[in-house]
Amino acid sequence: MNRTWLFFVICSSFVLASISKCDKITSDPNKTIFVPSPEENPTTAEKVELGRKLFFDKRLSLDGTVSCASCHDPHKAFTDQLTTSIGIKGQRTDRNAPSILNSGFLKTVMFDAHLKTLELQVIVPLQEPTEMGHNMKKLIPQLRAIPEYQAAAQKIFQRDFDAFVLTRAIGAFERSLVSMNSRFDQYQAGNKKALTNDEQAGWKLFSEKLYCIQCHPAPYFTTFEAANNGLYLDFGNDKGRFRINLDSADIGKFKIPSLRNIELTFPYMHDGSIESLEKVIAHYSKGGKKHPLQSSTIVPFDLSPKEQKQLILFIKALTDTSYLKNKEF
């Protein structure tokens, strides 16, 4: 058991024990989870609140029609449940919008797994022509002219509103989005009644019979790495991480997403090309499309109809929307 998972289980066990002594749940188990933050951007409540306001502000887009929340809706596990997202002027993005829940644990950001921090990631959609389409040199003065944002920047960061303030505030807000209190987490923390028999059987299939945990190990259900999952024999125009360094070994490699809240984050894959969990399982059970660079982990397997049902029931037990409580979304 790694140290992160041990820490998580100990905290969760403490919270569940405390809850069992109460008639009413008065604490949020997700608040017991430690989320790391950069030394140069320690998380504070004030930063999170400023970041929240910016995250939902459509003025960050060139034509005032799109906010960060347009593609990352809290009520859809911070996705938009679209194949690819819709940016300014009705343009379609190249890729499916991933959930940003638990993004504070990410080692790299974006499907190409090339950006090191959330702060760096913030700049990308703001300036991407098909997303928010703005120019930082023009955007920053516009936001600085908003009294509320300028006052917050001076109070929290002791500086005028600038790109540093913008990226640090939104980064802090994103780190506050924790979803680690699913029924599976409660089961792992000692509440053996949190999962049904079928869900427990699904967990056994997931962790023992199949190869799922090689790419999706608990507690985060991702290795944070980029891999070629054999989605296509020919990846066409979007060759994944290859576009970063033009390294042919990276063709078809995309960062492995977390399976947490996957029940709500459909459609699936980097391009939203698979609409259901049943079809995702079908892809992997066939052993992928046999791309030359496909991960050797992916091999064919057989599941009975009952086993497939159990596997999906377990995966859905990773859903946790308790982050919505007492939040102004």
Protein backbone atom coordinates (compact mmCIF):
# COMPACT_ATOMS: atom_id res chain seq x y z
CA MET A 1 0.00 0.00 0.00
CA ASN A 2 1.55 3.30 -1.04
CA ARG A 3 1.80 6.24 1.36
CA THR A 4 -0.80 8.34 -0.45
CA TRP A 5 -3.41 5.59 -0.36
CA LEU A 6 -2.57 4.81 3.30
CA PHE A 7 -3.01 8.47 4.23
CA PHE A 8 -6.29 8.56 2.32
CA VAL A 9 -7.64 5.43 4.01
CA ILE A 10 -6.65 6.62 7.50
CA CYS A 11 -8.34 9.99 6.98
CA SER A 12 -11.45 8.42 5.47
CA SER A 13 -11.67 5.85 8.27
CA PHE A 14 -11.50 8.62 10.86
CA VAL A 15 -14.25 10.56 9.15
CA LEU A 16 -16.51 7.53 8.76
CA ALA A 17 -15.99 6.60 12.41
CA SER A 18 -16.91 10.11 13.44
CA ILE A 19 -19.99 10.09 11.24
CA SER A 20 -21.20 6.80 12.70
CA LYS A 21 -21.47 8.46 16.10
CA CYS A 22 -23.68 11.25 14.78
CA ASP A 23 -27.30 11.37 13.77
CA LYS A 24 -26.42 13.79 10.99
CA ILE A 25 -23.38 14.16 8.74
CA THR A 26 -21.80 17.44 9.72
CA SER A 27 -18.44 17.17 7.96
CA ASP A 28 -17.26 16.76 4.39
CA PRO A 29 -14.92 13.75 4.03
CA ASN A 30 -13.37 15.36 0.96
CA LYS A 31 -12.03 18.14 3.16
CA THR A 32 -9.83 15.64 4.97
CA ILE A 33 -7.91 14.85 1.79
CA PHE A 34 -4.56 16.59 1.44
CA VAL A 35 -4.15 18.27 -1.94
CA PRO A 36 -0.60 19.43 -2.72
CA SER A 37 -0.02 22.94 -3.99
CA PRO A 38 3.10 24.63 -5.41
CA GLU A 39 5.33 26.47 -2.96
CA GLU A 40 4.85 29.66 -4.97
CA ASN A 41 1.04 29.31 -4.89
CA PRO A 42 -0.16 27.94 -1.55
CA THR A 43 -3.91 27.47 -1.49
CA THR A 44 -5.97 29.91 0.57
CA ALA A 45 -9.71 30.44 0.84
CA GLU A 46 -9.37 33.92 -0.66
CA LYS A 47 -7.53 32.64 -3.71
CA VAL A 48 -10.08 29.87 -4.20
CA GLU A 49 -12.95 32.35 -4.08
CA LEU A 50 -11.31 34.68 -6.59
CA GLY A 51 -10.54 31.71 -8.82
CA ARG A 52 -14.15 30.54 -8.59
CA LYS A 53 -15.43 33.92 -9.78
CA LEU A 54 -12.99 33.96 -12.67
CA PHE A 55 -13.81 30.37 -13.60
CA PHE A 56 -17.48 31.25 -14.14
CA ASP A 57 -16.88 34.64 -15.78
CA LYS A 58 -17.67 34.70 -19.51
CA ARG A 59 -15.75 37.96 -19.84
CA LEU A 60 -12.62 35.82 -20.03
CA SER A 61 -13.62 34.85 -23.58
CA LEU A 62 -13.16 37.13 -26.57
CA ASP A 63 -16.88 37.61 -27.27
CA GLY A 64 -18.16 37.14 -23.73
CA THR A 65 -20.03 33.92 -24.49
CA VAL A 66 -17.81 31.24 -22.95
CA SER A 67 -16.41 30.70 -19.46
CA CYS A 68 -14.23 27.91 -18.10
CA ALA A 69 -17.43 26.41 -16.70
CA SER A 70 -18.97 26.22 -20.17
CA CYS A 71 -16.81 23.17 -20.85
CA HIS A 72 -16.40 22.13 -17.21
CA ASP A 73 -19.88 22.15 -15.69
CA PRO A 74 -19.93 21.27 -11.96
CA HIS A 75 -23.21 19.41 -12.40
CA LYS A 76 -21.64 17.19 -15.06
CA ALA A 77 -18.57 16.29 -12.99
CA PHE A 78 -16.84 19.33 -14.50
CA THR A 79 -17.22 18.13 -18.10
CA ASP A 80 -19.82 19.14 -20.70
CA GLN A 81 -20.91 15.63 -21.77
CA LEU A 82 -20.32 16.58 -25.40
CA THR A 83 -18.19 14.72 -27.94
CA THR A 84 -16.03 17.83 -28.31
CA SER A 85 -16.68 21.17 -26.65
CA ILE A 86 -18.20 24.31 -28.12
CA GLY A 87 -16.10 27.46 -27.99
CA ILE A 88 -16.65 31.02 -29.16
CA LYS A 89 -18.62 31.52 -32.40
CA GLY A 90 -19.95 27.99 -32.07
CA GLN A 91 -16.60 26.47 -32.98
CA ARG A 92 -15.82 22.89 -32.02
CA THR A 93 -12.68 22.03 -30.07
CA ASP A 94 -10.37 19.24 -31.17
CA ARG A 95 -10.85 17.12 -28.08
CA ASN A 96 -13.30 16.02 -25.44
CA ALA A 97 -13.34 18.11 -22.24
CA PRO A 98 -11.87 16.07 -19.36
CA SER A 99 -13.08 16.43 -15.79
CA ILE A 100 -11.01 18.74 -13.61
CA LEU A 101 -12.14 17.11 -10.36
CA ASN A 102 -9.09 16.01 -8.36
CA SER A 103 -6.87 17.93 -10.79
CA GLY A 104 -4.72 19.01 -7.86
CA PHE A 105 -3.23 15.51 -7.85
CA LEU A 106 -2.20 15.59 -11.51
CA LYS A 107 1.49 15.33 -12.25
CA THR A 108 1.00 16.69 -15.75
CA VAL A 109 -1.90 18.51 -17.39
CA MET A 110 -3.65 18.22 -20.77
CA PHE A 111 -4.21 15.07 -22.87
CA ASP A 112 -0.64 15.39 -24.16
CA ALA A 113 0.68 15.21 -20.57
CA HIS A 114 3.17 17.97 -21.29
CA LEU A 115 2.30 20.87 -18.98
CA LYS A 116 3.64 20.64 -15.45
CA THR A 117 1.15 22.79 -13.53
CA LEU A 118 -2.48 23.87 -13.48
CA GLU A 119 -1.26 27.46 -13.66
CA LEU A 120 0.30 26.83 -17.06
CA GLN A 121 -2.82 25.05 -18.25
CA VAL A 122 -5.05 28.04 -17.49
CA ILE A 123 -3.46 30.05 -20.30
CA VAL A 124 -4.14 27.46 -23.01
CA PRO A 125 -7.95 27.60 -23.37
CA LEU A 126 -7.96 31.35 -22.83
CA GLN A 127 -5.92 31.88 -26.00
CA GLU A 128 -7.00 28.85 -28.06
CA PRO A 129 -8.92 30.25 -31.09
CA THR A 130 -11.59 27.53 -30.99
CA GLU A 131 -12.11 27.83 -27.22
CA MET A 132 -12.07 31.23 -25.51
CA GLY A 133 -10.04 32.93 -28.23
CA HIS A 134 -8.61 35.82 -26.23
CA ASN A 135 -5.19 37.48 -26.19
CA MET A 136 -3.57 37.81 -22.78
CA LYS A 137 -2.19 41.25 -23.58
CA LYS A 138 -5.72 42.49 -24.20
CA LEU A 139 -7.51 40.37 -21.60
CA ILE A 140 -5.45 41.37 -18.57
CA PRO A 141 -6.13 45.13 -18.84
CA GLN A 142 -9.84 44.39 -19.25
CA LEU A 143 -9.92 42.30 -16.09
CA ARG A 144 -7.77 44.79 -14.18
CA ALA A 145 -10.35 47.46 -14.97
CA ILE A 146 -12.98 45.46 -13.06
CA PRO A 147 -12.87 46.94 -9.52
CA GLU A 148 -13.70 43.66 -7.79
CA TYR A 149 -10.84 41.81 -9.47
CA GLN A 150 -8.32 44.62 -9.04
CA ALA A 151 -9.14 44.97 -5.34
CA ALA A 152 -8.86 41.21 -4.80
CA ALA A 153 -5.50 41.10 -6.58
CA GLN A 154 -4.09 43.83 -4.37
CA LYS A 155 -5.48 42.29 -1.19
CA ILE A 156 -4.48 38.67 -1.86
CA PHE A 157 -1.35 39.02 -3.98
CA GLN A 158 -0.26 42.60 -3.15
CA ARG A 159 -0.05 43.45 -6.84
CA ASP A 160 -2.19 44.72 -9.69
CA PHE A 161 -4.32 42.18 -11.49
CA ASP A 162 -2.08 40.45 -14.02
CA ALA A 163 -1.47 37.05 -15.60
CA PHE A 164 0.17 35.84 -12.38
CA VAL A 165 -2.97 36.62 -10.39
CA LEU A 166 -5.27 35.12 -13.03
CA THR A 167 -3.46 31.82 -13.32
CA ARG A 168 -2.73 31.42 -9.58
CA ALA A 169 -6.32 32.11 -8.57
CA ILE A 170 -7.89 29.71 -11.07
CA GLY A 171 -5.24 27.11 -10.22
CA ALA A 172 -6.12 27.40 -6.53
CA PHE A 173 -9.83 27.03 -7.30
CA GLU A 174 -9.24 23.91 -9.37
CA ARG A 175 -7.21 22.36 -6.55
CA SER A 176 -10.18 22.84 -4.24
CA LEU A 177 -12.30 20.50 -6.39
CA VAL A 178 -11.96 17.19 -4.58
CA SER A 179 -14.14 14.16 -5.24
CA MET A 180 -12.77 11.23 -3.23
CA ASN A 181 -15.80 10.18 -1.19
CA SER A 182 -17.44 7.66 -3.48
CA ARG A 183 -19.05 4.53 -2.09
CA PHE A 184 -15.90 2.68 -3.14
CA ASP A 185 -13.83 5.00 -0.95
CA GLN A 186 -16.17 4.37 1.95
CA TYR A 187 -15.84 0.63 1.33
CA GLN A 188 -12.04 0.87 1.33
CA ALA A 189 -12.16 2.91 4.53
CA GLY A 190 -13.91 0.09 6.35
CA ASN A 191 -17.62 0.37 5.57
CA LYS A 192 -18.13 -3.02 3.93
CA LYS A 193 -21.81 -2.30 3.38
CA ALA A 194 -21.00 0.63 1.09
CA LEU A 195 -20.81 -1.69 -1.93
CA THR A 196 -23.30 -4.34 -3.00
CA ASN A 197 -22.19 -7.90 -3.63
CA ASP A 198 -22.23 -7.29 -7.38
CA GLU A 199 -20.14 -4.13 -7.00
CA GLN A 200 -17.62 -6.01 -4.87
CA ALA A 201 -17.48 -8.71 -7.54
CA GLY A 202 -16.91 -5.96 -10.11
CA TRP A 203 -14.01 -4.59 -8.04
CA LYS A 204 -12.48 -8.06 -7.97
CA LEU A 205 -12.80 -8.32 -11.75
CA PHE A 206 -11.32 -4.84 -12.15
CA SER A 207 -8.38 -5.40 -9.82
CA GLU A 208 -7.62 -9.11 -10.18
CA LYS A 209 -9.01 -10.78 -13.30
CA LEU A 210 -8.52 -7.98 -15.80
CA TYR A 211 -5.63 -5.57 -16.42
CA CYS A 212 -7.58 -2.41 -15.52
CA ILE A 213 -5.46 -1.41 -12.52
CA GLN A 214 -2.29 -1.34 -14.60
CA CYS A 215 -3.55 1.93 -16.09
CA HIS A 216 -6.20 2.85 -13.52
CA PRO A 217 -4.86 2.00 -10.03
CA ALA A 218 -6.54 3.28 -6.87
CA PRO A 219 -6.82 5.77 -5.34
CA TYR A 220 -6.71 8.15 -8.31
CA PHE A 221 -7.57 5.51 -10.93
CA THR A 222 -4.92 6.79 -13.32
CA THR A 223 -1.16 6.46 -13.63
CA PHE A 224 -1.03 10.10 -14.81
CA GLU A 225 0.95 8.89 -17.83
CA ALA A 226 0.31 9.07 -21.58
CA ALA A 227 -0.31 5.81 -23.40
CA ASN A 228 -1.56 4.46 -26.73
CA ASN A 229 -4.72 2.50 -26.02
CA GLY A 230 -5.19 1.24 -29.55
CA LEU A 231 -8.27 3.37 -30.15
CA TYR A 232 -7.41 3.61 -33.85
CA LEU A 233 -5.18 1.84 -36.31
CA ASP A 234 -4.63 5.27 -37.86
CA PHE A 235 -4.93 8.26 -35.54
CA GLY A 236 -5.41 10.68 -38.43
CA ASN A 237 -4.87 14.37 -37.74
CA ASP A 238 -4.71 14.08 -33.96
CA LYS A 239 -1.75 11.90 -33.13
CA GLY A 240 -1.72 12.81 -29.46
CA ARG A 241 1.50 13.58 -27.63
CA PHE A 242 3.37 13.33 -30.95
CA ARG A 243 2.40 16.93 -31.69
CA ILE A 244 4.45 18.21 -28.74
CA ASN A 245 7.93 16.95 -29.64
CA LEU A 246 7.25 15.31 -33.03
CA ASP A 247 8.62 12.07 -31.59
CA SER A 248 7.19 9.18 -33.62
CA ALA A 249 7.23 7.01 -30.47
CA ASP A 250 4.48 9.28 -29.07
CA ILE A 251 1.96 8.72 -31.87
CA GLY A 252 -1.42 7.84 -30.41
CA LYS A 253 -0.38 8.54 -26.83
CA PHE A 254 -2.88 10.44 -24.68
CA LYS A 255 -2.86 10.90 -20.94
CA ILE A 256 -4.75 8.16 -19.14
CA PRO A 257 -7.85 9.74 -17.56
CA SER A 258 -9.11 8.99 -14.08
CA LEU A 259 -12.14 6.70 -13.87
CA ARG A 260 -13.58 8.65 -10.95
CA ASN A 261 -17.06 9.93 -11.79
CA ILE A 262 -16.84 8.18 -15.16
CA GLU A 263 -20.57 7.53 -14.97
CA LEU A 264 -21.02 11.29 -15.53
CA THR A 265 -18.14 12.08 -17.88
CA PHE A 266 -19.43 10.50 -21.09
CA PRO A 267 -18.73 10.34 -23.97
CA TYR A 268 -15.34 8.71 -23.63
CA MET A 269 -11.83 8.82 -25.11
CA HIS A 270 -9.83 11.92 -26.08
CA ASP A 271 -12.22 12.63 -28.94
CA GLY A 272 -15.46 11.56 -27.28
CA SER A 273 -15.87 8.82 -29.89
CA ILE A 274 -17.28 6.15 -27.56
CA GLU A 275 -20.63 6.97 -26.00
CA SER A 276 -21.12 4.24 -23.40
CA LEU A 277 -19.25 2.19 -20.84
CA GLU A 278 -20.46 -0.97 -22.56
CA LYS A 279 -18.70 0.10 -25.76
CA VAL A 280 -15.57 1.08 -23.87
CA ILE A 281 -15.40 -2.43 -22.44
CA ALA A 282 -16.03 -3.87 -25.90
CA HIS A 283 -13.04 -1.93 -27.26
CA TYR A 284 -10.69 -3.29 -24.63
CA SER A 285 -12.13 -6.83 -24.67
CA LYS A 286 -11.22 -7.02 -28.36
CA GLY A 287 -7.68 -6.01 -27.50
CA GLY A 288 -7.84 -2.61 -29.20
CA LYS A 289 -7.29 -1.92 -32.89
CA LYS A 290 -3.71 -3.26 -32.83
CA HIS A 291 -1.91 0.00 -33.55
CA PRO A 292 1.86 -0.66 -33.85
CA LEU A 293 2.51 1.50 -30.78
CA GLN A 294 -0.42 0.20 -28.76
CA SER A 295 0.36 -0.52 -25.11
CA SER A 296 1.29 -4.17 -24.57
CA THR A 297 -1.01 -4.12 -21.56
CA ILE A 298 -4.09 -4.21 -23.77
CA VAL A 299 -4.96 -7.78 -24.70
CA PRO A 300 -8.27 -9.48 -25.53
CA PHE A 301 -10.42 -10.85 -22.71
CA ASP A 302 -13.82 -12.46 -22.26
CA LEU A 303 -16.53 -11.46 -19.81
CA SER A 304 -19.90 -13.08 -19.31
CA PRO A 305 -22.94 -10.78 -19.44
CA LYS A 306 -23.13 -11.01 -15.64
CA GLU A 307 -19.47 -10.10 -15.22
CA GLN A 308 -19.81 -7.11 -17.55
CA LYS A 309 -22.77 -5.91 -15.52
CA GLN A 310 -20.78 -6.30 -12.29
CA LEU A 311 -17.80 -4.46 -13.74
CA ILE A 312 -19.95 -1.51 -14.80
CA LEU A 313 -21.71 -1.43 -11.44
CA PHE A 314 -18.33 -1.18 -9.72
CA ILE A 315 -17.15 1.59 -12.03
CA LYS A 316 -20.31 3.55 -11.26
CA ALA A 317 -19.56 3.14 -7.55
CA LEU A 318 -16.67 5.58 -8.16
CA THR A 319 -19.18 8.41 -8.52
CA ASP A 320 -19.04 11.12 -5.87
CA THR A 321 -20.98 14.36 -6.30
CA SER A 322 -20.77 15.40 -2.66
CA TYR A 323 -18.51 18.26 -3.78
CA LEU A 324 -21.69 20.01 -4.94
CA LYS A 325 -22.93 20.44 -1.38
CA ASN A 326 -22.46 23.88 0.14
CA LYS A 327 -20.77 25.17 -3.02
CA GLU A 328 -21.84 28.20 -4.99
CA PHE A 329 -21.76 26.73 -8.47
